[in-house]
Every structure is written in C-alpha cells, then in structure tokens.
N, C-alpha and C. Protein backbone atom coordinates (compact mmCIF):
# COMPACT_ATOMS: atom_id res chain seq x y z
N MET A 1 123.12 76.94 118.93
CA MET A 1 122.96 78.31 119.37
C MET A 1 121.47 78.63 119.48
N GLU A 2 121.18 79.54 120.34
CA GLU A 2 119.79 79.94 120.54
C GLU A 2 119.34 80.83 119.37
N ALA A 3 118.06 80.85 119.15
CA ALA A 3 117.49 81.63 118.05
C ALA A 3 117.83 83.11 118.20
N ASN A 4 117.82 83.61 119.44
CA ASN A 4 118.14 85.01 119.69
C ASN A 4 119.58 85.31 119.26
N ASP A 5 120.50 84.39 119.57
CA ASP A 5 121.90 84.58 119.18
C ASP A 5 122.04 84.58 117.66
N LEU A 6 121.31 83.68 117.00
CA LEU A 6 121.37 83.62 115.54
C LEU A 6 120.85 84.91 114.91
N GLU A 7 119.82 85.48 115.52
CA GLU A 7 119.28 86.76 115.02
C GLU A 7 120.32 87.86 115.16
N LEU A 8 121.02 87.88 116.30
CA LEU A 8 122.05 88.90 116.51
C LEU A 8 123.20 88.73 115.53
N ILE A 9 123.58 87.48 115.26
CA ILE A 9 124.66 87.21 114.31
C ILE A 9 124.25 87.71 112.92
N GLU A 10 123.01 87.42 112.55
CA GLU A 10 122.51 87.85 111.25
C GLU A 10 122.45 89.37 111.16
N LYS A 11 122.01 90.00 112.24
CA LYS A 11 121.83 91.44 112.24
C LYS A 11 123.16 92.19 112.25
N TYR A 12 124.11 91.75 113.09
CA TYR A 12 125.35 92.50 113.27
C TYR A 12 126.54 91.91 112.52
N GLY A 13 126.38 90.73 111.95
CA GLY A 13 127.48 90.10 111.24
C GLY A 13 127.96 90.90 110.04
N ALA A 14 127.03 91.59 109.40
CA ALA A 14 127.39 92.37 108.21
C ALA A 14 128.27 93.56 108.57
N GLU A 15 128.06 94.14 109.74
CA GLU A 15 128.84 95.33 110.11
C GLU A 15 130.02 95.02 111.03
N ASP A 16 130.02 93.85 111.64
CA ASP A 16 131.11 93.45 112.54
C ASP A 16 131.84 92.26 111.92
N SER A 17 132.98 92.54 111.33
CA SER A 17 133.71 91.50 110.60
C SER A 17 134.18 90.37 111.52
N GLN A 18 134.45 90.68 112.78
CA GLN A 18 134.91 89.64 113.71
C GLN A 18 133.78 88.64 113.99
N ILE A 19 132.58 89.13 114.16
CA ILE A 19 131.44 88.24 114.37
C ILE A 19 131.22 87.37 113.13
N LYS A 20 131.28 87.98 111.96
CA LYS A 20 131.08 87.21 110.73
C LYS A 20 132.17 86.14 110.57
N ALA A 21 133.41 86.50 110.84
CA ALA A 21 134.52 85.55 110.70
C ALA A 21 134.37 84.39 111.69
N LEU A 22 134.01 84.70 112.92
CA LEU A 22 133.84 83.66 113.93
C LEU A 22 132.67 82.74 113.58
N TRP A 23 131.60 83.31 113.06
CA TRP A 23 130.44 82.50 112.68
C TRP A 23 130.78 81.59 111.49
N ASP A 24 131.47 82.15 110.51
CA ASP A 24 131.88 81.35 109.35
C ASP A 24 132.79 80.20 109.78
N GLN A 25 133.71 80.51 110.68
CA GLN A 25 134.62 79.48 111.20
C GLN A 25 133.84 78.41 111.96
N HIS A 26 132.88 78.83 112.75
CA HIS A 26 132.04 77.91 113.52
C HIS A 26 131.32 76.94 112.58
N MET A 27 130.76 77.47 111.50
CA MET A 27 130.03 76.64 110.55
C MET A 27 130.97 75.69 109.79
N THR A 28 132.17 76.15 109.50
CA THR A 28 133.16 75.29 108.83
C THR A 28 133.52 74.12 109.73
N TYR A 29 133.77 74.40 111.00
CA TYR A 29 134.08 73.33 111.96
C TYR A 29 132.91 72.37 112.09
N GLU A 30 131.70 72.89 112.08
CA GLU A 30 130.50 72.06 112.19
C GLU A 30 130.42 71.09 111.02
N LYS A 31 130.66 71.58 109.81
CA LYS A 31 130.62 70.72 108.62
C LYS A 31 131.72 69.66 108.67
N MET A 32 132.90 70.04 109.11
CA MET A 32 134.01 69.09 109.21
C MET A 32 133.70 68.00 110.23
N LEU A 33 133.12 68.41 111.36
CA LEU A 33 132.75 67.44 112.39
C LEU A 33 131.66 66.50 111.89
N ASP A 34 130.67 67.04 111.21
CA ASP A 34 129.60 66.20 110.66
C ASP A 34 130.16 65.15 109.71
N LYS A 35 131.09 65.58 108.87
CA LYS A 35 131.68 64.66 107.90
C LYS A 35 132.44 63.55 108.62
N LEU A 36 133.24 63.90 109.62
CA LEU A 36 134.01 62.89 110.35
C LEU A 36 133.10 61.98 111.16
N GLU A 37 132.12 62.56 111.83
CA GLU A 37 131.26 61.78 112.72
C GLU A 37 130.28 60.89 111.95
N SER A 38 130.12 61.14 110.67
CA SER A 38 129.22 60.30 109.88
C SER A 38 129.88 58.97 109.49
N LYS A 39 131.19 58.89 109.68
CA LYS A 39 131.90 57.65 109.36
C LYS A 39 131.57 56.58 110.40
N SER A 40 131.55 55.35 109.97
CA SER A 40 131.25 54.26 110.90
C SER A 40 132.46 53.92 111.77
N TYR A 41 133.65 54.25 111.28
CA TYR A 41 134.86 53.99 112.06
C TYR A 41 135.82 55.16 111.88
N LEU A 42 136.41 55.60 112.98
CA LEU A 42 137.39 56.67 112.92
C LEU A 42 138.76 56.12 113.31
N SER A 43 139.75 56.48 112.55
CA SER A 43 141.12 56.09 112.89
C SER A 43 141.54 56.90 114.12
N PRO A 44 142.60 56.50 114.79
CA PRO A 44 143.07 57.30 115.94
C PRO A 44 143.37 58.75 115.56
N THR A 45 143.90 58.95 114.36
CA THR A 45 144.18 60.31 113.89
C THR A 45 142.88 61.10 113.72
N GLU A 46 141.87 60.46 113.15
CA GLU A 46 140.58 61.13 112.96
C GLU A 46 139.90 61.41 114.31
N THR A 47 140.04 60.49 115.24
CA THR A 47 139.48 60.71 116.58
C THR A 47 140.12 61.93 117.23
N GLN A 48 141.43 62.05 117.09
CA GLN A 48 142.13 63.20 117.64
C GLN A 48 141.70 64.49 116.94
N GLU A 49 141.49 64.39 115.62
CA GLU A 49 141.05 65.55 114.85
C GLU A 49 139.67 66.01 115.32
N VAL A 50 138.77 65.06 115.61
CA VAL A 50 137.44 65.41 116.12
C VAL A 50 137.58 66.16 117.44
N LYS A 51 138.42 65.67 118.32
CA LYS A 51 138.62 66.34 119.62
C LYS A 51 139.13 67.76 119.43
N GLU A 52 140.11 67.92 118.55
CA GLU A 52 140.68 69.25 118.30
C GLU A 52 139.65 70.19 117.68
N LEU A 53 138.87 69.68 116.73
CA LEU A 53 137.84 70.51 116.10
C LEU A 53 136.79 70.96 117.13
N LYS A 54 136.41 70.06 118.02
CA LYS A 54 135.43 70.41 119.05
C LYS A 54 135.98 71.48 119.98
N LYS A 55 137.26 71.39 120.33
CA LYS A 55 137.88 72.40 121.19
C LYS A 55 137.91 73.75 120.49
N LYS A 56 138.31 73.75 119.21
CA LYS A 56 138.37 75.00 118.45
C LYS A 56 136.98 75.61 118.28
N LYS A 57 136.01 74.75 118.01
CA LYS A 57 134.64 75.22 117.82
C LYS A 57 134.11 75.85 119.11
N LEU A 58 134.37 75.21 120.23
CA LEU A 58 133.91 75.74 121.51
C LEU A 58 134.60 77.06 121.85
N ALA A 59 135.90 77.13 121.60
CA ALA A 59 136.63 78.37 121.88
C ALA A 59 136.08 79.52 121.03
N GLY A 60 135.82 79.23 119.76
CA GLY A 60 135.25 80.25 118.88
C GLY A 60 133.86 80.67 119.31
N LYS A 61 133.07 79.69 119.73
CA LYS A 61 131.70 79.99 120.17
C LYS A 61 131.72 80.85 121.42
N THR A 62 132.63 80.56 122.33
CA THR A 62 132.76 81.34 123.56
C THR A 62 133.12 82.79 123.23
N THR A 63 134.07 82.97 122.31
CA THR A 63 134.45 84.31 121.89
C THR A 63 133.28 85.02 121.22
N LEU A 64 132.60 84.30 120.35
CA LEU A 64 131.46 84.87 119.64
C LEU A 64 130.36 85.31 120.60
N LEU A 65 130.04 84.48 121.56
CA LEU A 65 129.00 84.83 122.53
C LEU A 65 129.42 86.03 123.37
N GLY A 66 130.70 86.14 123.66
CA GLY A 66 131.20 87.32 124.38
C GLY A 66 130.99 88.59 123.58
N LEU A 67 131.24 88.52 122.28
CA LEU A 67 131.01 89.68 121.42
C LEU A 67 129.53 90.01 121.32
N LEU A 68 128.70 88.97 121.27
CA LEU A 68 127.25 89.21 121.17
C LEU A 68 126.69 89.83 122.45
N ASP A 69 127.34 89.58 123.59
CA ASP A 69 126.89 90.19 124.85
C ASP A 69 126.85 91.72 124.74
N LYS A 70 127.82 92.28 124.04
CA LYS A 70 127.87 93.74 123.84
C LYS A 70 126.60 94.21 123.13
N TYR A 71 126.17 93.48 122.12
CA TYR A 71 124.98 93.87 121.37
C TYR A 71 123.69 93.59 122.15
N ARG A 72 123.72 92.55 122.99
CA ARG A 72 122.54 92.27 123.81
C ARG A 72 122.28 93.42 124.78
N GLN A 73 123.34 93.98 125.32
CA GLN A 73 123.20 95.08 126.30
C GLN A 73 122.69 96.34 125.63
N GLU A 74 123.02 96.53 124.35
CA GLU A 74 122.55 97.69 123.63
C GLU A 74 121.06 97.60 123.30
N ALA A 75 120.57 96.39 123.17
CA ALA A 75 119.17 96.20 122.76
C ALA A 75 118.19 96.46 123.87
C-alpha cells in the first residue's frame, strides 16, 4: 500500500470500524502468506491455500481502498 493510504488508515481506522477490521484482516492474511511462502516446498493443499489467501487479501484491499476514496475526497 502507498504511504498516503497507510496514513489514512491510521487516521480514520480508529473512528471507522470497517476500515480497521479490513486492515487487520489484510495484515492477518499477509502474515499467513509469509509463513506459507517461506517454506521450501508447498503441498498441493498449501498451494491452493496460498491462492485463496491472495484472492481474499486482494478483495479486502479493493474494498478498503474504496472506503479510503471517501476520505481522500474529503481531504
């Protein structure tokens, strides 16, 4: 994410529970992906899990950026 987006998340996350929840979820997915991708070999199940996590992370990020657009317009 861009620095500007991170600033908006930090600024409005405390008052907008949806932004905070989406950001927390995004970071959880990031940690899970890092853990899986650090392995030297992934089983087919783990490979599928990585794909699913990436899809969920992207969907959440898209929603989050849409919410941040509202705050960008106010600034």
